[in-house]
Amino acid sequence: MEWSSLHQSAVQTITSIIAKLHERGVTITVDHGIDHICYRCPSDQHYRALSMLLSEHAHLLHESMIDGRLVSIRKLTTAFLVQSRSIPCIELSAPKQNNTHPE
């Protein structure tokens, strides 16, 4: 995955979530902060590859094993901007053992 693809996917996903909430009568204003998004990797290999990619665009704040999988929080050098919202961090999680996530 390239940075431009990840960035575009993140912005589209957040925009879609906000629109779906609005359709259900839930208004998310700019005052409602979104401090991070989470990307669940489909495999450990994908986690490692994405970690390498993010190392060029984000500073690692924390990484640890949680419930048998690696989870990290990274502060983006340039925050995602979505509908006047600045989202400064991304959480990256590997799949739990014997479990995968579709990409």
N, C-alpha and C. Protein backbone atom coordinates (compact mmCIF):
# COMPACT_ATOMS: atom_id res chain seq x y z
N MET A 1 0.85 -1.18 0.00
CA MET A 1 0.00 0.00 0.00
C MET A 1 0.89 1.24 0.00
N GLU A 2 0.51 2.22 -0.74
CA GLU A 2 1.24 3.48 -0.80
C GLU A 2 0.58 4.49 0.14
N TRP A 3 1.35 5.50 0.53
CA TRP A 3 0.84 6.52 1.43
C TRP A 3 -0.39 7.21 0.86
N SER A 4 -0.37 7.57 -0.41
CA SER A 4 -1.51 8.27 -1.00
C SER A 4 -2.78 7.41 -0.93
N SER A 5 -2.65 6.11 -1.12
CA SER A 5 -3.81 5.21 -1.03
C SER A 5 -4.33 5.13 0.40
N LEU A 6 -3.43 5.02 1.37
CA LEU A 6 -3.84 4.97 2.77
C LEU A 6 -4.52 6.28 3.16
N HIS A 7 -3.93 7.39 2.79
CA HIS A 7 -4.48 8.70 3.12
C HIS A 7 -5.87 8.86 2.52
N GLN A 8 -6.02 8.54 1.25
CA GLN A 8 -7.31 8.66 0.57
C GLN A 8 -8.35 7.74 1.20
N SER A 9 -7.97 6.53 1.51
CA SER A 9 -8.89 5.57 2.13
C SER A 9 -9.35 6.07 3.50
N ALA A 10 -8.43 6.60 4.29
CA ALA A 10 -8.78 7.10 5.62
C ALA A 10 -9.78 8.25 5.52
N VAL A 11 -9.50 9.21 4.65
CA VAL A 11 -10.40 10.36 4.49
C VAL A 11 -11.78 9.92 4.00
N GLN A 12 -11.82 9.01 3.03
CA GLN A 12 -13.10 8.51 2.52
C GLN A 12 -13.88 7.76 3.60
N THR A 13 -13.20 6.95 4.38
CA THR A 13 -13.87 6.18 5.43
C THR A 13 -14.46 7.09 6.49
N ILE A 14 -13.68 8.06 6.94
CA ILE A 14 -14.18 8.98 7.97
C ILE A 14 -15.35 9.80 7.43
N THR A 15 -15.24 10.27 6.19
CA THR A 15 -16.32 11.03 5.57
C THR A 15 -17.59 10.19 5.50
N SER A 16 -17.45 8.93 5.13
CA SER A 16 -18.59 8.01 5.03
C SER A 16 -19.23 7.77 6.40
N ILE A 17 -18.42 7.58 7.42
CA ILE A 17 -18.96 7.35 8.77
C ILE A 17 -19.74 8.57 9.24
N ILE A 18 -19.19 9.76 9.03
CA ILE A 18 -19.88 10.99 9.44
C ILE A 18 -21.20 11.12 8.70
N ALA A 19 -21.21 10.81 7.40
CA ALA A 19 -22.45 10.89 6.60
C ALA A 19 -23.49 9.89 7.10
N LYS A 20 -23.06 8.66 7.40
CA LYS A 20 -24.00 7.64 7.89
C LYS A 20 -24.57 8.01 9.25
N LEU A 21 -23.76 8.58 10.10
CA LEU A 21 -24.27 9.04 11.39
C LEU A 21 -25.29 10.16 11.19
N HIS A 22 -24.99 11.08 10.28
CA HIS A 22 -25.91 12.18 9.99
C HIS A 22 -27.24 11.65 9.47
N GLU A 23 -27.21 10.64 8.60
CA GLU A 23 -28.44 10.03 8.07
C GLU A 23 -29.30 9.45 9.19
N ARG A 24 -28.66 9.05 10.26
CA ARG A 24 -29.38 8.45 11.40
C ARG A 24 -29.72 9.49 12.48
N GLY A 25 -29.52 10.77 12.13
CA GLY A 25 -29.88 11.84 13.05
C GLY A 25 -28.81 12.20 14.06
N VAL A 26 -27.61 11.68 13.90
CA VAL A 26 -26.51 12.00 14.81
C VAL A 26 -25.63 13.05 14.13
N THR A 27 -25.55 14.22 14.74
CA THR A 27 -24.74 15.29 14.18
C THR A 27 -23.38 15.32 14.86
N ILE A 28 -22.36 15.26 14.06
CA ILE A 28 -20.99 15.35 14.56
C ILE A 28 -20.46 16.72 14.12
N THR A 29 -20.31 17.62 15.07
CA THR A 29 -19.81 18.95 14.75
C THR A 29 -18.29 18.95 14.81
N VAL A 30 -17.71 20.03 14.33
CA VAL A 30 -16.25 20.15 14.38
C VAL A 30 -15.77 20.15 15.84
N ASP A 31 -16.64 20.61 16.75
CA ASP A 31 -16.29 20.62 18.17
C ASP A 31 -16.12 19.21 18.73
N HIS A 32 -16.75 18.22 18.09
CA HIS A 32 -16.56 16.83 18.51
C HIS A 32 -15.23 16.36 17.94
N GLY A 33 -14.23 16.32 18.76
CA GLY A 33 -12.90 15.96 18.28
C GLY A 33 -12.80 14.49 17.91
N ILE A 34 -12.08 14.23 16.86
CA ILE A 34 -11.71 12.87 16.48
C ILE A 34 -10.19 12.84 16.60
N ASP A 35 -9.69 12.17 17.63
CA ASP A 35 -8.25 12.24 17.87
C ASP A 35 -7.44 11.19 17.13
N HIS A 36 -8.10 10.12 16.67
CA HIS A 36 -7.37 9.12 15.91
C HIS A 36 -8.34 8.24 15.12
N ILE A 37 -7.77 7.52 14.17
CA ILE A 37 -8.52 6.48 13.48
C ILE A 37 -7.77 5.17 13.73
N CYS A 38 -8.47 4.06 13.56
CA CYS A 38 -7.85 2.76 13.76
C CYS A 38 -7.85 2.00 12.43
N TYR A 39 -6.71 1.43 12.11
CA TYR A 39 -6.59 0.58 10.92
C TYR A 39 -6.24 -0.82 11.41
N ARG A 40 -7.14 -1.77 11.16
CA ARG A 40 -6.91 -3.15 11.56
C ARG A 40 -6.32 -3.91 10.37
N CYS A 41 -5.12 -4.39 10.55
CA CYS A 41 -4.41 -5.08 9.47
C CYS A 41 -4.90 -6.52 9.34
N PRO A 42 -4.96 -7.03 8.10
CA PRO A 42 -5.43 -8.39 7.88
C PRO A 42 -4.41 -9.48 8.24
N SER A 43 -3.14 -9.09 8.41
CA SER A 43 -2.11 -10.09 8.72
C SER A 43 -0.94 -9.41 9.44
N ASP A 44 -0.11 -10.21 10.08
CA ASP A 44 1.10 -9.66 10.72
C ASP A 44 2.03 -9.06 9.67
N GLN A 45 2.12 -9.70 8.52
CA GLN A 45 2.97 -9.21 7.44
C GLN A 45 2.50 -7.81 6.99
N HIS A 46 1.20 -7.65 6.87
CA HIS A 46 0.64 -6.35 6.48
C HIS A 46 0.93 -5.30 7.56
N TYR A 47 0.82 -5.70 8.82
CA TYR A 47 1.13 -4.80 9.94
C TYR A 47 2.57 -4.30 9.82
N ARG A 48 3.50 -5.22 9.58
CA ARG A 48 4.92 -4.83 9.47
C ARG A 48 5.15 -3.90 8.27
N ALA A 49 4.53 -4.21 7.15
CA ALA A 49 4.70 -3.38 5.96
C ALA A 49 4.11 -1.98 6.18
N LEU A 50 2.94 -1.93 6.79
CA LEU A 50 2.31 -0.64 7.04
C LEU A 50 3.08 0.15 8.10
N SER A 51 3.66 -0.54 9.05
CA SER A 51 4.50 0.12 10.05
C SER A 51 5.69 0.80 9.38
N MET A 52 6.29 0.11 8.43
CA MET A 52 7.42 0.69 7.69
C MET A 52 6.96 1.93 6.91
N LEU A 53 5.82 1.83 6.24
CA LEU A 53 5.30 2.97 5.48
C LEU A 53 5.02 4.14 6.43
N LEU A 54 4.36 3.87 7.54
CA LEU A 54 4.02 4.94 8.47
C LEU A 54 5.25 5.57 9.12
N SER A 55 6.34 4.83 9.20
CA SER A 55 7.56 5.40 9.80
C SER A 55 8.05 6.61 9.01
N GLU A 56 7.64 6.71 7.74
CA GLU A 56 8.03 7.85 6.91
C GLU A 56 7.06 9.03 7.07
N HIS A 57 5.88 8.79 7.67
CA HIS A 57 4.83 9.82 7.74
C HIS A 57 4.28 10.04 9.13
N ALA A 58 4.83 9.35 10.11
CA ALA A 58 4.30 9.47 11.47
C ALA A 58 5.37 9.07 12.49
N HIS A 59 5.25 9.64 13.68
CA HIS A 59 6.16 9.34 14.78
C HIS A 59 5.49 8.30 15.69
N LEU A 60 6.21 7.23 15.97
CA LEU A 60 5.69 6.18 16.86
C LEU A 60 5.59 6.71 18.28
N LEU A 61 4.38 6.72 18.83
CA LEU A 61 4.17 7.15 20.21
C LEU A 61 4.23 5.98 21.17
N HIS A 62 3.65 4.84 20.75
CA HIS A 62 3.61 3.67 21.62
C HIS A 62 3.30 2.43 20.80
N GLU A 63 3.93 1.32 21.18
CA GLU A 63 3.61 0.02 20.58
C GLU A 63 3.70 -1.02 21.67
N SER A 64 2.70 -1.89 21.75
CA SER A 64 2.73 -2.95 22.75
C SER A 64 1.85 -4.11 22.32
N MET A 65 2.04 -5.23 23.02
CA MET A 65 1.20 -6.40 22.80
C MET A 65 -0.07 -6.24 23.62
N ILE A 66 -1.21 -6.36 22.97
CA ILE A 66 -2.51 -6.30 23.64
C ILE A 66 -3.32 -7.49 23.15
N ASP A 67 -3.72 -8.35 24.07
CA ASP A 67 -4.49 -9.55 23.74
C ASP A 67 -3.83 -10.37 22.62
N GLY A 68 -2.52 -10.50 22.70
CA GLY A 68 -1.81 -11.36 21.76
C GLY A 68 -1.53 -10.76 20.40
N ARG A 69 -1.67 -9.45 20.26
CA ARG A 69 -1.38 -8.81 18.97
C ARG A 69 -0.69 -7.47 19.21
N LEU A 70 0.10 -7.05 18.24
CA LEU A 70 0.74 -5.74 18.32
C LEU A 70 -0.26 -4.64 18.00
N VAL A 71 -0.21 -3.58 18.79
CA VAL A 71 -1.02 -2.39 18.57
C VAL A 71 -0.10 -1.20 18.76
N SER A 72 -0.16 -0.26 17.82
CA SER A 72 0.67 0.94 17.94
C SER A 72 -0.16 2.19 17.68
N ILE A 73 0.29 3.28 18.28
CA ILE A 73 -0.29 4.60 18.06
C ILE A 73 0.82 5.47 17.48
N ARG A 74 0.49 6.16 16.39
CA ARG A 74 1.47 7.02 15.72
C ARG A 74 0.88 8.40 15.50
N LYS A 75 1.71 9.42 15.72
CA LYS A 75 1.29 10.79 15.46
C LYS A 75 1.75 11.16 14.05
N LEU A 76 0.79 11.51 13.22
CA LEU A 76 1.07 11.84 11.82
C LEU A 76 1.85 13.15 11.73
N THR A 77 2.80 13.22 10.81
CA THR A 77 3.53 14.47 10.62
C THR A 77 2.60 15.53 10.03
N THR A 78 1.64 15.11 9.23
CA THR A 78 0.58 15.99 8.73
C THR A 78 -0.74 15.28 9.02
N ALA A 79 -1.55 15.90 9.85
CA ALA A 79 -2.82 15.30 10.26
C ALA A 79 -3.74 15.08 9.06
N PHE A 80 -4.59 14.06 9.17
CA PHE A 80 -5.66 13.88 8.19
C PHE A 80 -6.64 15.03 8.37
N LEU A 81 -7.06 15.66 7.30
CA LEU A 81 -8.06 16.72 7.35
C LEU A 81 -9.33 16.22 6.70
N VAL A 82 -10.41 16.20 7.49
CA VAL A 82 -11.70 15.70 7.01
C VAL A 82 -12.77 16.67 7.44
N GLN A 83 -13.40 17.33 6.47
CA GLN A 83 -14.49 18.26 6.76
C GLN A 83 -14.13 19.22 7.90
N SER A 84 -13.04 19.90 7.77
CA SER A 84 -12.54 20.89 8.74
C SER A 84 -12.10 20.27 10.06
N ARG A 85 -11.94 18.95 10.11
CA ARG A 85 -11.46 18.27 11.31
C ARG A 85 -10.02 17.83 11.09
N SER A 86 -9.22 18.02 12.11
CA SER A 86 -7.84 17.57 12.07
C SER A 86 -7.73 16.30 12.91
N ILE A 87 -7.28 15.22 12.29
CA ILE A 87 -7.15 13.93 12.98
C ILE A 87 -5.65 13.61 13.03
N PRO A 88 -5.02 13.81 14.19
CA PRO A 88 -3.57 13.78 14.27
C PRO A 88 -2.91 12.41 14.41
N CYS A 89 -3.69 11.38 14.76
CA CYS A 89 -3.06 10.09 15.06
C CYS A 89 -3.74 8.93 14.35
N ILE A 90 -2.97 7.86 14.19
CA ILE A 90 -3.51 6.61 13.63
C ILE A 90 -3.10 5.47 14.57
N GLU A 91 -4.06 4.61 14.84
CA GLU A 91 -3.81 3.39 15.61
C GLU A 91 -3.72 2.26 14.60
N LEU A 92 -2.71 1.46 14.72
CA LEU A 92 -2.50 0.34 13.81
C LEU A 92 -2.55 -0.93 14.65
N SER A 93 -3.38 -1.90 14.25
CA SER A 93 -3.44 -3.14 15.02
C SER A 93 -3.29 -4.35 14.11
N ALA A 94 -2.47 -5.27 14.58
CA ALA A 94 -2.31 -6.55 13.91
C ALA A 94 -3.49 -7.43 14.32
N PRO A 95 -3.75 -8.49 13.55
CA PRO A 95 -4.86 -9.37 13.95
C PRO A 95 -4.49 -10.18 15.20
N LYS A 96 -5.51 -10.54 15.96
CA LYS A 96 -5.28 -11.45 17.08
C LYS A 96 -4.86 -12.79 16.53
N GLN A 97 -4.19 -13.60 17.34
CA GLN A 97 -3.77 -14.92 16.90
C GLN A 97 -4.98 -15.70 16.41
N ASN A 98 -4.80 -16.44 15.31
CA ASN A 98 -5.84 -17.26 14.71
C ASN A 98 -7.06 -16.45 14.27
N ASN A 99 -6.84 -15.19 13.93
CA ASN A 99 -7.92 -14.31 13.50
C ASN A 99 -7.37 -13.37 12.42
N THR A 100 -8.15 -13.08 11.42
CA THR A 100 -7.72 -12.12 10.40
C THR A 100 -8.85 -11.12 10.19
N HIS A 101 -8.48 -9.98 9.64
CA HIS A 101 -9.44 -8.94 9.29
C HIS A 101 -9.38 -8.76 7.78
N PRO A 102 -10.52 -8.63 7.13
CA PRO A 102 -10.47 -8.31 5.70
C PRO A 102 -9.90 -6.92 5.51
N GLU A 103 -9.19 -6.69 4.42
CA GLU A 103 -8.60 -5.37 4.17
C GLU A 103 -9.65 -4.43 3.65
